[in-house]
C-alpha atoms as a PDB file:
ATOM      1  CA  CYS A   1     -38.832-200.196  22.585  1.00  0.00           C
ATOM      2  CA  ALA A   2     -35.727-197.975  21.277  1.00  0.00           C
ATOM      3  CA  ARG A   3     -38.093-194.798  20.992  1.00  0.00           C
ATOM      4  CA  SER A   4     -38.061-195.249  24.926  1.00  0.00           C
ATOM      5  CA  MET A   5     -34.596-195.344  25.831  1.00  0.00           C
ATOM      6  CA  ILE A   6     -34.121-192.241  23.852  1.00  0.00           C
ATOM      7  CA  PRO A   7     -33.884-189.010  26.744  1.00  0.00           C
ATOM      8  CA  PRO A   8     -37.026-186.619  26.710  1.00  0.00           C
ATOM      9  CA  GLU A   9     -34.772-183.705  26.948  1.00  0.00           C
ATOM     10  CA  LYS A  10     -33.145-184.669  23.590  1.00  0.00           C
ATOM     11  CA  GLU A  11     -36.387-185.537  21.567  1.00  0.00           C
ATOM     12  CA  GLY A  12     -39.147-184.027  23.569  1.00  0.00           C
ATOM     13  CA  TYR A  13     -42.695-184.513  23.632  1.00  0.00           C
ATOM     14  CA  ARG A  14     -44.972-184.130  20.212  1.00  0.00           C
ATOM     15  CA  PRO A  15     -48.176-183.587  21.697  1.00  0.00           C
ATOM     16  CA  SER A  16     -51.741-184.198  19.883  1.00  0.00           C
ATOM     17  CA  VAL A  17     -54.096-181.236  19.436  1.00  0.00           C
ATOM     18  CA  GLY A  18     -56.176-180.983  22.087  1.00  0.00           C
ATOM     19  CA  GLU A  19     -53.620-181.887  24.731  1.00  0.00           C
ATOM     20  CA  ARG A  20     -52.565-180.408  27.996  1.00  0.00           C
ATOM     21  CA  VAL A  21     -48.420-179.531  28.139  1.00  0.00           C
ATOM     22  CA  THR A  22     -46.466-177.206  29.666  1.00  0.00           C
ATOM     23  CA  VAL A  23     -43.610-175.435  28.203  1.00  0.00           C
ATOM     24  CA  GLY A  24     -41.018-174.021  31.041  1.00  0.00           C
ATOM     25  CA  ARG A  25     -43.395-172.935  33.517  1.00  0.00           C
ATOM     26  CA  ASN A  26     -46.617-171.772  31.506  1.00  0.00           C
ATOM     27  CA  HIS A  27     -49.467-174.194  30.928  1.00  0.00           C
ATOM     28  CA  ALA A  28     -51.103-174.685  27.520  1.00  0.00           C
ATOM     29  CA  THR A  29     -53.444-176.464  25.551  1.00  0.00           C
ATOM     30  CA  CYS A  30     -51.835-177.768  22.357  1.00  0.00           C
ATOM     31  CA  ARG A  31     -53.897-176.690  19.014  1.00  0.00           C
ATOM     32  CA  PHE A  32     -51.674-176.957  16.054  1.00  0.00           C
ATOM     33  CA  VAL A  33     -48.960-179.376  15.312  1.00  0.00           C
ATOM     34  CA  GLY A  34     -47.188-179.390  11.917  1.00  0.00           C
ATOM     35  CA  PRO A  35     -45.406-177.038   9.015  1.00  0.00           C
ATOM     36  CA  THR A  36     -45.916-173.279   8.816  1.00  0.00           C
ATOM     37  CA  GLN A  37     -45.234-170.400   6.140  1.00  0.00           C
ATOM     38  CA  PHE A  38     -42.703-168.502   8.936  1.00  0.00           C
ATOM     39  CA  ALA A  39     -40.155-171.244   9.406  1.00  0.00           C
ATOM     40  CA  GLU A  40     -38.955-174.547   8.295  1.00  0.00           C
ATOM     41  CA  GLY A  41     -39.501-177.760  10.031  1.00  0.00           C
ATOM     42  CA  ASP A  42     -42.436-179.121  12.291  1.00  0.00           C
ATOM     43  CA  TRP A  43     -43.765-176.410  15.021  1.00  0.00           C
ATOM     44  CA  ILE A  44     -46.185-177.017  17.898  1.00  0.00           C
ATOM     45  CA  GLY A  45     -49.046-173.922  18.242  1.00  0.00           C
ATOM     46  CA  LEU A  46     -49.842-173.869  22.044  1.00  0.00           C
ATOM     47  CA  GLU A  47     -52.914-171.912  23.671  1.00  0.00           C
ATOM     48  CA  LEU A  48     -51.164-170.400  27.026  1.00  0.00           C
ATOM     49  CA  ASP A  49     -53.042-170.296  30.128  1.00  0.00           C
ATOM     50  CA  GLU A  50     -51.974-166.908  30.806  1.00  0.00           C
ATOM     51  CA  PRO A  51     -51.073-163.738  28.507  1.00  0.00           C
ATOM     52  CA  ASN A  52     -47.666-164.652  27.959  1.00  0.00           C
ATOM     53  CA  GLY A  53     -47.958-165.412  24.649  1.00  0.00           C
ATOM     54  CA  LYS A  54     -46.984-163.658  21.176  1.00  0.00           C
ATOM     55  CA  ASN A  55     -49.797-163.793  19.382  1.00  0.00           C
ATOM     56  CA  ASP A  56     -53.159-165.046  18.813  1.00  0.00           C
ATOM     57  CA  GLY A  57     -53.080-167.877  16.840  1.00  0.00           C
ATOM     58  CA  SER A  58     -51.577-166.050  13.812  1.00  0.00           C
ATOM     59  CA  VAL A  59     -48.456-165.164  12.572  1.00  0.00           C
ATOM     60  CA  LYS A  60     -47.540-163.084   9.515  1.00  0.00           C
ATOM     61  CA  GLY A  61     -51.176-162.703   8.348  1.00  0.00           C
ATOM     62  CA  VAL A  62     -51.810-166.829   8.371  1.00  0.00           C
ATOM     63  CA  ARG A  63     -53.676-168.391  10.960  1.00  0.00           C
ATOM     64  CA  TYR A  64     -52.829-171.624  12.384  1.00  0.00           C
ATOM     65  CA  PHE A  65     -55.638-171.663  15.388  1.00  0.00           C
ATOM     66  CA  GLU A  66     -57.913-169.613  17.207  1.00  0.00           C
ATOM     67  CA  CYS A  67     -56.976-167.892  20.371  1.00  0.00           C
ATOM     68  CA  LYS A  68     -57.260-164.658  22.477  1.00  0.00           C
ATOM     69  CA  ALA A  69     -54.131-161.981  22.027  1.00  0.00           C
ATOM     70  CA  ASN A  70     -51.011-162.426  23.804  1.00  0.00           C
ATOM     71  CA  HIS A  71     -52.124-166.352  24.331  1.00  0.00           C
ATOM     72  CA  GLY A  72     -50.538-167.789  21.693  1.00  0.00           C
ATOM     73  CA  ILE A  73     -47.146-169.317  20.700  1.00  0.00           C
ATOM     74  CA  PHE A  74     -45.046-171.527  18.477  1.00  0.00           C
ATOM     75  CA  THR A  75     -42.240-173.514  19.844  1.00  0.00           C
ATOM     76  CA  ARG A  76     -40.512-176.742  19.082  1.00  0.00           C
ATOM     77  CA  GLN A  77     -41.387-180.133  20.608  1.00  0.00           C
ATOM     78  CA  ALA A  78     -37.818-180.451  22.125  1.00  0.00           C
ATOM     79  CA  VAL A  79     -38.516-177.634  24.822  1.00  0.00           C
ATOM     80  CA  ILE A  80     -42.428-179.596  25.541  1.00  0.00           C
ATOM     81  CA  ARG A  81     -43.282-181.582  28.143  1.00  0.00           C
ATOM     82  CA  ARG A  82     -46.587-183.466  29.224  1.00  0.00           C
ATOM     83  CA  ALA A  83     -48.878-182.009  31.782  1.00  0.00           C
ATOM     84  CA  ALA A  84     -48.253-183.048  35.412  1.00  0.00           C
ATOM     85  CA  GLY A  85     -51.119-185.885  36.122  1.00  0.00           C
ATOM     86  CA  SER A  86     -51.552-187.262  32.823  1.00  0.00           C
ATOM     87  CA  GLY A  87     -49.645-190.363  33.877  1.00  0.00           C
ATOM     88  CA  THR A  88     -45.919-188.524  33.541  1.00  0.00           C
ATOM     89  CA  ASP A  89     -44.497-186.187  35.773  1.00  0.00           C
ATOM     90  CA  GLU A  90     -42.746-182.602  33.807  1.00  0.00           C
ATOM     91  CA  THR A  91     -39.409-184.331  33.256  1.00  0.00           C
ATOM     92  CA  GLY A  92     -41.192-187.009  30.568  1.00  0.00           C
ATOM     93  CA  LEU A  93     -40.087-189.913  33.072  1.00  0.00           C
ATOM     94  CA  VAL A  94     -42.935-192.307  33.303  1.00  0.00           C
ATOM     95  CA  SER A  95     -44.066-192.562  37.268  1.00  0.00           C
ATOM     96  CA  ILE A  96     -44.295-196.149  39.404  1.00  0.00           C
ATOM     97  CA  ALA A  97     -47.753-196.745  41.076  1.00  0.00           C
ATOM     98  CA  GLY A  98     -49.208-193.083  40.564  1.00  0.00           C
ATOM     99  CA  ARG A  99     -46.019-191.642  42.362  1.00  0.00           C
ATOM    100  CA  LYS A 100     -43.967-188.845  40.904  1.00  0.00           C
ATOM    101  CA  LYS A 101     -40.172-189.856  39.963  1.00  0.00           C
ATOM    102  CA  LYS A 102     -37.445-187.964  41.759  1.00  0.00           C
ATOM    103  CA  PRO A 103     -35.764-185.855  38.637  1.00  0.00           C
ATOM    104  CA  PRO A 104     -31.999-186.533  38.084  1.00  0.00           C
ATOM    105  CA  PRO A 105     -29.716-183.835  39.395  1.00  0.00           C
ATOM    106  CA  ARG A 106     -29.318-180.850  37.136  1.00  0.00           C
ATOM    107  CA  ALA A 107     -26.183-179.635  35.645  1.00  0.00           C
ATOM    108  CA  THR A 108     -24.130-177.083  37.877  1.00  0.00           C
ATOM    109  CA  SER A 109     -21.576-175.898  35.455  1.00  0.00           C
ATOM    110  CA  GLY A 110     -22.240-172.609  33.851  1.00  0.00           C
ATOM    111  CA  VAL A 111     -26.299-174.023  33.574  1.00  0.00           C
ATOM    112  CA  ARG A 112     -28.995-172.239  35.245  1.00  0.00           C
ATOM    113  CA  SER A 113     -31.385-174.158  37.549  1.00  0.00           C
ATOM    114  CA  GLN A 114     -34.809-174.211  35.784  1.00  0.00           C
ATOM    115  CA  THR A 115     -36.340-173.538  39.834  1.00  0.00           C
ATOM    116  CA  GLN A 116     -35.345-169.767  38.849  1.00  0.00           C
ATOM    117  CA  GLU A 117     -37.954-167.429  37.841  1.00  0.00           C
ATOM    118  CA  ALA A 118     -38.655-167.216  34.641  1.00  0.00           C
ATOM    119  CA  ALA A 119     -39.725-164.101  33.081  1.00  0.00           C
ATOM    120  CA  PRO A 120     -43.519-163.250  33.373  1.00  0.00           C
ATOM    121  CA  ARG A 121     -43.995-162.058  29.794  1.00  0.00           C
ATOM    122  CA  ILE A 122     -42.489-162.568  26.281  1.00  0.00           C
ATOM    123  CA  PRO A 123     -41.284-158.954  25.030  1.00  0.00           C
ATOM    124  CA  THR A 124     -43.522-157.636  22.172  1.00  0.00           C
ATOM    125  CA  ASP A 125     -40.676-155.461  21.732  1.00  0.00           C
ATOM    126  CA  PRO A 126     -38.138-157.347  18.774  1.00  0.00           C
ATOM    127  CA  GLU A 127     -35.103-155.205  20.146  1.00  0.00           C
ATOM    128  CA  GLN A 128     -36.043-156.282  23.820  1.00  0.00           C
ATOM    129  CA  LEU A 129     -36.855-159.716  22.790  1.00  0.00           C
ATOM    130  CA  ARG A 130     -33.449-159.773  21.204  1.00  0.00           C
ATOM    131  CA  ARG A 131     -31.489-159.019  24.201  1.00  0.00           C
ATOM    132  CA  GLU A 132     -33.585-161.128  26.659  1.00  0.00           C
ATOM    133  CA  LEU A 133     -32.901-163.773  24.273  1.00  0.00           C
ATOM    134  CA  ALA A 134     -28.476-162.879  24.473  1.00  0.00           C
ATOM    135  CA  VAL A 135     -28.997-162.511  28.275  1.00  0.00           C
ATOM    136  CA  ALA A 136     -30.697-166.403  28.524  1.00  0.00           C
ATOM    137  CA  ALA A 137     -28.429-167.482  25.733  1.00  0.00           C
ATOM    138  CA  GLU A 138     -25.378-166.420  28.022  1.00  0.00           C
ATOM    139  CA  ASP A 139     -26.909-167.594  31.341  1.00  0.00           C
ATOM    140  CA  HIS A 140     -27.541-170.770  29.431  1.00  0.00           C
ATOM    141  CA  ASP A 141     -31.192-170.779  30.993  1.00  0.00           C
ATOM    142  CA  GLU A 142     -32.888-173.922  28.883  1.00  0.00           C
ATOM    143  CA  GLN A 143     -36.381-172.606  30.416  1.00  0.00           C
ATOM    144  CA  ARG A 144     -36.001-169.147  29.201  1.00  0.00           C
ATOM    145  CA  LEU A 145     -34.453-170.173  25.865  1.00  0.00           C
ATOM    146  CA  ALA A 146     -37.566-172.236  25.169  1.00  0.00           C
ATOM    147  CA  ILE A 147     -39.750-169.620  25.469  1.00  0.00           C
ATOM    148  CA  LEU A 148     -38.553-166.911  23.691  1.00  0.00           C
ATOM    149  CA  LEU A 149     -36.592-168.851  21.322  1.00  0.00           C
ATOM    150  CA  PRO A 150     -39.860-169.667  19.203  1.00  0.00           C
ATOM    151  CA  ALA A 151     -40.965-166.141  19.728  1.00  0.00           C
ATOM    152  CA  ALA A 152     -37.676-165.024  18.160  1.00  0.00           C
ATOM    153  CA  GLU A 153     -37.519-167.179  15.152  1.00  0.00           C
ATOM    154  CA  GLN A 154     -41.438-165.081  14.551  1.00  0.00           C
ATOM    155  CA  ALA A 155     -39.938-161.894  15.017  1.00  0.00           C
ATOM    156  CA  GLY A 156     -37.612-162.123  12.602  1.00  0.00           C
ATOM    157  CA  VAL A 157     -34.518-161.799  14.823  1.00  0.00           C
ATOM    158  CA  VAL A 158     -31.046-162.076  13.180  1.00  0.00           C
ATOM    159  CA  GLU A 159     -30.312-166.033  12.038  1.00  0.00           C
ATOM    160  CA  THR A 160     -26.849-165.634  13.798  1.00  0.00           C
ATOM    161  CA  GLU A 161     -28.438-165.188  17.412  1.00  0.00           C
ATOM    162  CA  LEU A 162     -31.063-167.371  16.875  1.00  0.00           C
ATOM    163  CA  ALA A 163     -28.696-170.438  15.746  1.00  0.00           C
ATOM    164  CA  ILE A 164     -26.563-169.390  19.075  1.00  0.00           C
ATOM    165  CA  ALA A 165     -29.470-169.559  20.843  1.00  0.00           C
ATOM    166  CA  ARG A 166     -30.456-172.716  19.562  1.00  0.00           C
ATOM    167  CA  GLY A 167     -26.737-174.241  19.871  1.00  0.00           C
ATOM    168  CA  VAL A 168     -26.452-172.659  23.876  1.00  0.00           C
ATOM    169  CA  LEU A 169     -30.212-175.178  24.351  1.00  0.00           C
ATOM    170  CA  GLN A 170     -29.228-178.179  22.744  1.00  0.00           C
ATOM    171  CA  ARG A 171     -25.538-178.202  24.326  1.00  0.00           C
ATOM    172  CA  ALA A 172     -27.594-177.254  27.670  1.00  0.00           C
ATOM    173  CA  THR A 173     -29.978-180.314  26.976  1.00  0.00           C
ATOM    174  CA  GLU A 174     -27.770-183.071  26.120  1.00  0.00           C
ATOM    175  CA  ALA A 175     -25.017-181.847  28.602  1.00  0.00           C
ATOM    176  CA  GLN A 176     -27.780-182.630  31.416  1.00  0.00           C
ATOM    177  CA  ALA A 177     -28.501-185.923  29.518  1.00  0.00           C
ATOM    178  CA  ALA A 178     -25.326-186.915  29.162  1.00  0.00           C
ATOM    179  CA  MET A 179     -24.430-186.028  33.046  1.00  0.00           C
ATOM    180  CA  ARG A 180     -27.191-187.777  33.957  1.00  0.00           C
ATOM    181  CA  ALA A 181     -26.223-191.016  32.405  1.00  0.00           C
ATOM    182  CA  THR A 182     -22.887-190.955  33.841  1.00  0.00           C
ATOM    183  CA  ARG A 183     -23.109-189.336  37.350  1.00  0.00           C
ATOM    184  CA  SER A 184     -22.087-192.791  38.675  1.00  0.00           C
ATOM    185  CA  ASP A 185     -18.882-192.538  36.906  1.00  0.00           C
ATOM    186  CA  PRO A 186     -16.908-189.406  38.356  1.00  0.00           C
ATOM    187  CA  SER A 187     -14.562-189.667  35.270  1.00  0.00           C
ATOM    188  CA  ARG A 188     -16.826-189.291  32.631  1.00  0.00           C
ATOM    189  CA  ASP A 189     -18.722-186.502  35.059  1.00  0.00           C
ATOM    190  CA  ILE A 190     -15.065-184.507  34.630  1.00  0.00           C
ATOM    191  CA  ILE A 191     -15.040-185.085  30.975  1.00  0.00           C
ATOM    192  CA  ALA A 192     -19.183-183.888  30.275  1.00  0.00           C
ATOM    193  CA  LYS A 193     -18.294-181.059  32.674  1.00  0.00           C
ATOM    194  CA  ALA A 194     -14.749-180.148  30.860  1.00  0.00           C
ATOM    195  CA  GLN A 195     -16.696-180.724  27.452  1.00  0.00           C
ATOM    196  CA  LEU A 196     -19.416-178.584  28.882  1.00  0.00           C
ATOM    197  CA  ASN A 197     -16.961-175.545  29.822  1.00  0.00           C
ATOM    198  CA  THR A 198     -15.223-175.944  26.308  1.00  0.00           C
ATOM    199  CA  GLU A 199     -19.038-175.214  24.773  1.00  0.00           C
ATOM    200  CA  LYS A 200     -19.558-172.671  26.883  1.00  0.00           C
ATOM    201  CA  VAL A 201     -16.004-171.336  25.128  1.00  0.00           C
ATOM    202  CA  GLU A 202     -16.672-171.767  22.227  1.00  0.00           C
ATOM    203  CA  HIS A 203     -20.133-170.263  22.510  1.00  0.00           C
ATOM    204  CA  LEU A 204     -18.717-167.019  24.305  1.00  0.00           C
ATOM    205  CA  LEU A 205     -16.423-166.917  21.237  1.00  0.00           C
ATOM    206  CA  ALA A 206     -19.446-167.418  19.096  1.00  0.00           C
ATOM    207  CA  GLN A 207     -21.129-164.460  20.556  1.00  0.00           C
ATOM    208  CA  LEU A 208     -18.255-162.039  20.158  1.00  0.00           C
ATOM    209  CA  SER A 209     -17.828-162.592  16.756  1.00  0.00           C
ATOM    210  CA  ALA A 210     -21.643-161.949  16.618  1.00  0.00           C
ATOM    211  CA  THR A 211     -21.043-158.891  18.593  1.00  0.00           C
ATOM    212  CA  VAL A 212     -18.011-157.568  16.614  1.00  0.00           C
ATOM    213  CA  HIS A 213     -19.825-158.238  13.473  1.00  0.00           C
ATOM    214  CA  LYS A 214     -22.685-156.157  14.881  1.00  0.00           C
ATOM    215  CA  LEU A 215     -20.434-153.191  16.273  1.00  0.00           C
ATOM    216  CA  GLU A 216     -18.603-153.665  13.136  1.00  0.00           C
ATOM    217  CA  THR A 217     -21.850-152.999  11.325  1.00  0.00           C
ATOM    218  CA  ARG A 218     -23.208-150.188  13.474  1.00  0.00           C
ATOM    219  CA  ALA A 219     -19.684-148.131  13.409  1.00  0.00           C
ATOM    220  CA  SER A 220     -19.701-148.458   9.503  1.00  0.00           C
ATOM    221  CA  SER A 221     -23.489-146.832   9.830  1.00  0.00           C
ATOM    222  CA  LEU A 222     -22.632-144.296  12.212  1.00  0.00           C
ATOM    223  CA  GLU A 223     -19.267-143.176   9.828  1.00  0.00           C
ATOM    224  CA  THR A 224     -21.782-142.889   6.997  1.00  0.00           C
ATOM    225  CA  GLU A 225     -23.853-140.764   8.755  1.00  0.00           C
ATOM    226  CA  TYR A 226     -21.471-138.705  10.700  1.00  0.00           C
ATOM    227  CA  ALA A 227     -19.624-138.366   7.023  1.00  0.00           C
ATOM    228  CA  ASP A 228     -23.037-137.124   5.672  1.00  0.00           C
ATOM    229  CA  ARG A 229     -24.270-134.808   8.259  1.00  0.00           C
ATOM    230  CA  TRP A 230     -20.474-133.660   8.396  1.00  0.00           C
ATOM    231  CA  MET A 231     -20.661-133.042   4.691  1.00  0.00           C
ATOM    232  CA  GLN A 232     -24.033-130.901   5.445  1.00  0.00           C
ATOM    233  CA  ASP A 233     -22.890-128.903   8.003  1.00  0.00           C
ATOM    234  CA  PHE A 234     -19.587-128.232   6.292  1.00  0.00           C
ATOM    235  CA  GLY A 235     -21.710-127.261   3.456  1.00  0.00           C
ATOM    236  CA  GLN A 236     -23.573-124.771   5.396  1.00  0.00           C
ATOM    237  CA  GLN A 237     -20.503-123.570   6.964  1.00  0.00           C
ATOM    238  CA  LEU A 238     -18.765-123.283   3.942  1.00  0.00           C
ATOM    239  CA  LYS A 239     -21.478-121.170   2.274  1.00  0.00           C
ATOM    240  CA  SER A 240     -22.131-118.852   5.244  1.00  0.00           C
ATOM    241  CA  ARG A 241     -18.801-118.073   5.051  1.00  0.00           C
ATOM    242  CA  VAL A 242     -18.555-117.370   1.329  1.00  0.00           C
ATOM    243  CA  LEU A 243     -21.152-115.093   1.643  1.00  0.00           C
ATOM    244  CA  GLU A 244     -20.140-113.146   4.913  1.00  0.00           C
ATOM    245  CA  ALA A 245     -16.432-112.730   2.628  1.00  0.00           C
ATOM    246  CA  LEU A 246     -18.545-111.808  -0.413  1.00  0.00           C
ATOM    247  CA  GLU A 247     -20.726-109.314   1.623  1.00  0.00           C
ATOM    248  CA  ALA A 248     -17.444-107.943   3.321  1.00  0.00           C
ATOM    249  CA  THR A 249     -15.624-107.568  -0.314  1.00  0.00           C
ATOM    250  CA  LEU A 250     -18.936-105.952  -1.951  1.00  0.00           C
ATOM    251  CA  ASP A 251     -18.948-103.367   0.919  1.00  0.00           C
ATOM    252  CA  GLU A 252     -15.455-102.644   0.936  1.00  0.00           C
ATOM    253  CA  ARG A 253     -15.402-102.227  -3.284  1.00  0.00           C
ATOM    254  CA  LEU A 254     -18.809 -99.853  -2.601  1.00  0.00           C
ATOM    255  CA  ALA A 255     -17.161 -97.973  -0.256  1.00  0.00           C
ATOM    256  CA  ARG A 256     -13.761 -98.186  -2.294  1.00  0.00           C
ATOM    257  CA  ALA A 257     -16.316 -97.001  -5.099  1.00  0.00           C
ATOM    258  CA  ILE A 258     -17.960 -94.037  -2.877  1.00  0.00           C
ATOM    259  CA  ASP A 259     -14.548 -92.706  -2.045  1.00  0.00           C
ATOM    260  CA  ARG A 260     -13.354 -92.516  -5.727  1.00  0.00           C
ATOM    261  CA  ALA A 261     -16.765 -90.994  -6.766  1.00  0.00           C
ATOM    262  CA  SER A 262     -16.383 -88.473  -3.733  1.00  0.00           C
ATOM    263  CA  MET A 263     -12.920 -87.392  -4.754  1.00  0.00           C
ATOM    264  CA  GLN A 264     -13.586 -87.293  -8.437  1.00  0.00           C
ATOM    265  CA  ALA A 265     -16.586 -84.708  -7.316  1.00  0.00           C
ATOM    266  CA  LEU A 266     -14.228 -82.903  -4.683  1.00  0.00           C
ATOM    267  CA  GLU A 267     -11.653 -82.676  -7.083  1.00  0.00           C
ATOM    268  CA  ALA A 268     -14.097 -81.372  -9.927  1.00  0.00           C
ATOM    269  CA  SER A 269     -15.276 -78.843  -7.526  1.00  0.00           C
ATOM    270  CA  LEU A 270     -11.922 -77.862  -6.532  1.00  0.00           C
ATOM    271  CA  GLU A 271     -10.899 -77.646 -10.094  1.00  0.00           C
ATOM    272  CA  GLU A 272     -13.736 -75.415 -11.103  1.00  0.00           C
ATOM    273  CA  ARG A 273     -13.267 -73.582  -7.775  1.00  0.00           C
ATOM    274  CA  LEU A 274      -9.430 -72.817  -8.649  1.00  0.00           C
ATOM    275  CA  ALA A 275     -10.063 -72.212 -12.142  1.00  0.00           C
ATOM    276  CA  GLN A 276     -12.545 -69.273 -11.248  1.00  0.00           C
ATOM    277  CA  ALA A 277     -10.461 -67.947  -8.711  1.00  0.00           C
ATOM    278  CA  ILE A 278      -7.643 -67.773 -11.258  1.00  0.00           C
ATOM    279  CA  ASP A 279     -10.309 -66.028 -13.914  1.00  0.00           C
ATOM    280  CA  ARG A 280     -10.831 -63.385 -10.824  1.00  0.00           C
ATOM    281  CA  ALA A 281      -7.629 -63.400 -10.276  1.00  0.00           C
ATOM    282  CA  SER A 282      -6.347 -62.773 -13.837  1.00  0.00           C
ATOM    283  CA  ALA A 283      -9.105 -60.280 -14.235  1.00  0.00           C
ATOM    284  CA  GLN A 284      -8.135 -58.296 -11.186  1.00  0.00           C
ATOM    285  CA  ALA A 285      -4.347 -58.551 -12.450  1.00  0.00           C
ATOM    286  CA  SER A 286      -5.321 -57.214 -15.609  1.00  0.00           C
ATOM    287  CA  SER A 287      -7.333 -54.309 -14.232  1.00  0.00           C
ATOM    288  CA  SER A 288      -4.660 -53.181 -11.990  1.00  0.00           C
ATOM    289  CA  HIS A 289      -2.087 -53.721 -14.465  1.00  0.00           C
ATOM    290  CA  SER A 290      -4.573 -51.361 -16.774  1.00  0.00           C
ATOM    291  CA  LEU A 291      -4.879 -48.960 -13.778  1.00  0.00           C
ATOM    292  CA  ALA A 292      -0.941 -48.932 -13.460  1.00  0.00           C
ATOM    293  CA  LEU A 293      -0.169 -48.666 -16.713  1.00  0.00           C
ATOM    294  CA  GLU A 294      -2.461 -45.521 -17.180  1.00  0.00           C
ATOM    295  CA  ALA A 295      -0.918 -44.095 -13.882  1.00  0.00           C
ATOM    296  CA  THR A 296       2.577 -44.630 -15.203  1.00  0.00           C
ATOM    297  CA  LEU A 297       1.547 -43.344 -18.612  1.00  0.00           C
ATOM    298  CA  GLU A 298      -0.245 -40.210 -17.155  1.00  0.00           C
ATOM    299  CA  GLN A 299       3.556 -39.425 -14.740  1.00  0.00           C
ATOM    300  CA  ARG A 300       5.536 -40.293 -17.499  1.00  0.00           C
ATOM    301  CA  LEU A 301       3.231 -37.388 -19.647  1.00  0.00           C
ATOM    302  CA  SER A 302       3.058 -35.161 -17.399  1.00  0.00           C
ATOM    303  CA  GLN A 303       7.006 -35.511 -16.474  1.00  0.00           C
ATOM    304  CA  ALA A 304       7.436 -34.699 -20.464  1.00  0.00           C
ATOM    305  CA  ILE A 305       5.004 -32.008 -20.168  1.00  0.00           C
ATOM    306  CA  ASP A 306       7.018 -30.555 -17.307  1.00  0.00           C
ATOM    307  CA  ARG A 307       9.894 -31.049 -19.342  1.00  0.00           C
ATOM    308  CA  ALA A 308       8.907 -29.629 -22.750  1.00  0.00           C
ATOM    309  CA  SER A 309       7.818 -26.666 -20.582  1.00  0.00           C
ATOM    310  CA  ALA A 310      10.932 -26.283 -18.753  1.00  0.00           C
ATOM    311  CA  GLN A 311      12.885 -26.239 -22.128  1.00  0.00           C
ATOM    312  CA  ALA A 312      10.195 -23.751 -23.799  1.00  0.00           C
ATOM    313  CA  ILE A 313      10.422 -21.481 -20.774  1.00  0.00           C
ATOM    314  CA  GLY A 314      14.047 -21.646 -20.834  1.00  0.00           C
ATOM    315  CA  SER A 315      14.756 -21.298 -24.699  1.00  0.00           C
ATOM    316  CA  THR A 316      12.260 -18.149 -24.220  1.00  0.00           C
ATOM    317  CA  LEU A 317      14.124 -16.540 -21.592  1.00  0.00           C
ATOM    318  CA  GLU A 318      17.753 -17.327 -23.068  1.00  0.00           C
ATOM    319  CA  GLU A 319      16.519 -15.615 -25.940  1.00  0.00           C
ATOM    320  CA  ARG A 320      15.104 -12.709 -23.930  1.00  0.00           C
ATOM    321  CA  LEU A 321      18.268 -12.802 -22.446  1.00  0.00           C
ATOM    322  CA  ALA A 322      20.930 -12.519 -25.574  1.00  0.00           C
ATOM    323  CA  ARG A 323      18.484  -9.639 -26.533  1.00  0.00           C
ATOM    324  CA  ALA A 324      18.579  -7.513 -23.413  1.00  0.00           C
ATOM    325  CA  ILE A 325      22.592  -8.339 -23.850  1.00  0.00           C
ATOM    326  CA  ASP A 326      22.445  -7.205 -27.326  1.00  0.00           C
ATOM    327  CA  ARG A 327      20.556  -4.001 -26.528  1.00  0.00           C
ATOM    328  CA  ALA A 328      22.547  -3.341 -23.716  1.00  0.00           C
ATOM    329  CA  SER A 329      25.766  -3.763 -25.508  1.00  0.00           C
ATOM    330  CA  ALA A 330      24.673  -1.401 -28.351  1.00  0.00           C
ATOM    331  CA  GLN A 331      23.554   1.384 -25.779  1.00  0.00           C
ATOM    332  CA  VAL A 332      27.058   0.778 -24.148  1.00  0.00           C
ATOM    333  CA  ALA A 333      28.865   1.063 -27.381  1.00  0.00           C
ATOM    334  CA  VAL A 334      26.461   4.540 -28.722  1.00  0.00           C
ATOM    335  CA  LYS A 335      27.410   5.991 -25.464  1.00  0.00           C
ATOM    336  CA  MET A 336      31.414   5.604 -25.271  1.00  0.00           C
ATOM    337  CA  PRO A 337      33.640   7.741 -27.214  1.00  0.00           C
ATOM    338  CA  ALA A 338      35.855   6.315 -30.220  1.00  0.00           C
ATOM    339  CA  ALA A 339      39.239   5.523 -29.046  1.00  0.00           C
ATOM    340  CA  PRO A 340      42.256   7.428 -31.072  1.00  0.00           C
ATOM    341  CA  SER A 341      43.782   5.854 -33.062  1.00  0.00           C
ATOM    342  CA  PRO A 342      47.701   5.222 -32.967  1.00  0.00           C
END
């Protein structure tokens, strides 16, 4: 029929509930098929044999089936294969006479071989899951992408990164199918490889764009955080410096006030002492002047008395001498004879 002509890598396998399947290197039992509340479209709920899953059959509080913790996973049918021994091999191609048909050769241009070992567990940390999804997309590891992509969608990884991973997985699957269909035609093989390389470049450009966007977002966040932190530090430093300057100014003004008060008190004390000294000097000067005046007065009085005494004594002596002379003259006149008249 027309459906059987569609490559299984293009459409995948839609199992029934209870059927054994494989996803990557994990063997599982189908427990759920249908739409979910955590994402659009139909999802396949699987119970893995090993604890390499993401949940216990419930996502965001909604239960879809029952299983042990870390044994449940939701994925798309494009990455599911029927388990070996059920009439088909792991490539989805019908076997003949019970023998497995040799799978077609894998593309080697930029696509990782599916024989490479996948990680034993799916990371539970969203950030680690996001990093591993980016590495798997960059390496074009479709098996790892098939395991990580459903878990990343459930973990709420950014839609841009999910779209990149889905595109890589889809292009790798289509490239493998195209290379199988054109392996007998070298020109078509070259065209397919060139197309794959072109898609790789486009994928790298998309990754680069997403990385630049994240870096710009992170830089903006860091700039805001740094600005806030810088403003806080600057405010604290400014406050500290203002307080230090204010304390220094207050100390200086207080010292000046104390100096002025001390000088005023010293000036008042000196003025008081000087006034007292002047009063004492004035008193002493007045006393000395009085004594000197008294001495001068006594000296002058004594001299006046001396002069008066001398004058009085002189007058007495002159008077007595005049009297003595008069008496002597009278006695001489009496004793001398009278002169003859001519």
